[in-house]
Amino acid sequence: MEKWKCTVCGYVYDPEFGDPDSGIAPGTAFESIPDSWVCPICGATKDLFEKE
């Protein structure tokens, strides 16, 4: 699975780890994350992420 980087703050979403603090389980592909999810660091929306 591909990693996605926040273009605002540089946070990298790695599907291997997910985002447990936001309820996203490890192994969850970026495309499968709900559209309401935001960057856990800066609050940027999913459309501000790009594939690494």
Protein backbone atom coordinates (compact mmCIF):
# COMPACT_ATOMS: atom_id res chain seq x y z
CA MET A 1 0.00 0.00 0.00
CA GLU A 2 1.14 3.50 -0.77
CA LYS A 3 2.05 6.22 1.69
CA TRP A 4 0.41 9.65 1.39
CA LYS A 5 1.98 12.95 2.48
CA CYS A 6 0.21 16.04 3.78
CA THR A 7 1.20 18.95 1.54
CA VAL A 8 0.58 21.39 4.40
CA CYS A 9 2.72 20.00 7.24
CA GLY A 10 4.58 16.97 5.82
CA TYR A 11 2.83 14.30 7.92
CA VAL A 12 2.99 10.93 6.18
CA TYR A 13 0.04 8.55 6.42
CA ASP A 14 1.45 5.03 6.39
CA PRO A 15 -1.25 2.37 5.94
CA GLU A 16 0.92 -0.15 7.79
CA PHE A 17 0.31 1.84 10.99
CA GLY A 18 -3.00 3.58 10.22
CA ASP A 19 -4.05 6.38 12.58
CA PRO A 20 -5.32 4.63 15.71
CA ASP A 21 -5.85 7.92 17.56
CA SER A 22 -8.41 8.82 14.89
CA GLY A 23 -9.97 5.35 14.73
CA ILE A 24 -8.15 4.27 11.55
CA ALA A 25 -6.93 0.69 12.01
CA PRO A 26 -3.50 -0.49 10.83
CA GLY A 27 -3.74 -1.91 7.31
CA THR A 28 -6.29 0.68 6.14
CA ALA A 29 -5.54 2.02 2.66
CA PHE A 30 -5.66 5.82 2.31
CA GLU A 31 -8.48 5.47 -0.22
CA SER A 32 -10.56 3.60 2.39
CA ILE A 33 -10.30 6.32 5.04
CA PRO A 34 -13.56 8.29 5.40
CA ASP A 35 -13.57 11.67 3.62
CA SER A 36 -14.22 13.31 6.98
CA TRP A 37 -10.76 12.28 8.24
CA VAL A 38 -8.21 15.08 8.63
CA CYS A 39 -4.46 15.20 9.15
CA PRO A 40 -3.78 14.42 12.82
CA ILE A 41 -1.04 17.07 12.94
CA CYS A 42 -2.47 20.12 11.18
CA GLY A 43 -6.12 19.28 10.40
CA ALA A 44 -5.72 19.38 6.61
CA THR A 45 -8.40 17.54 4.62
CA LYS A 46 -7.71 14.40 2.55
CA ASP A 47 -7.62 16.37 -0.71
CA LEU A 48 -4.45 18.11 0.52
CA PHE A 49 -2.51 14.81 0.57
CA GLU A 50 -0.43 13.46 -2.31
CA LYS A 51 1.06 10.03 -3.00
CA GLU A 52 4.65 9.64 -1.93
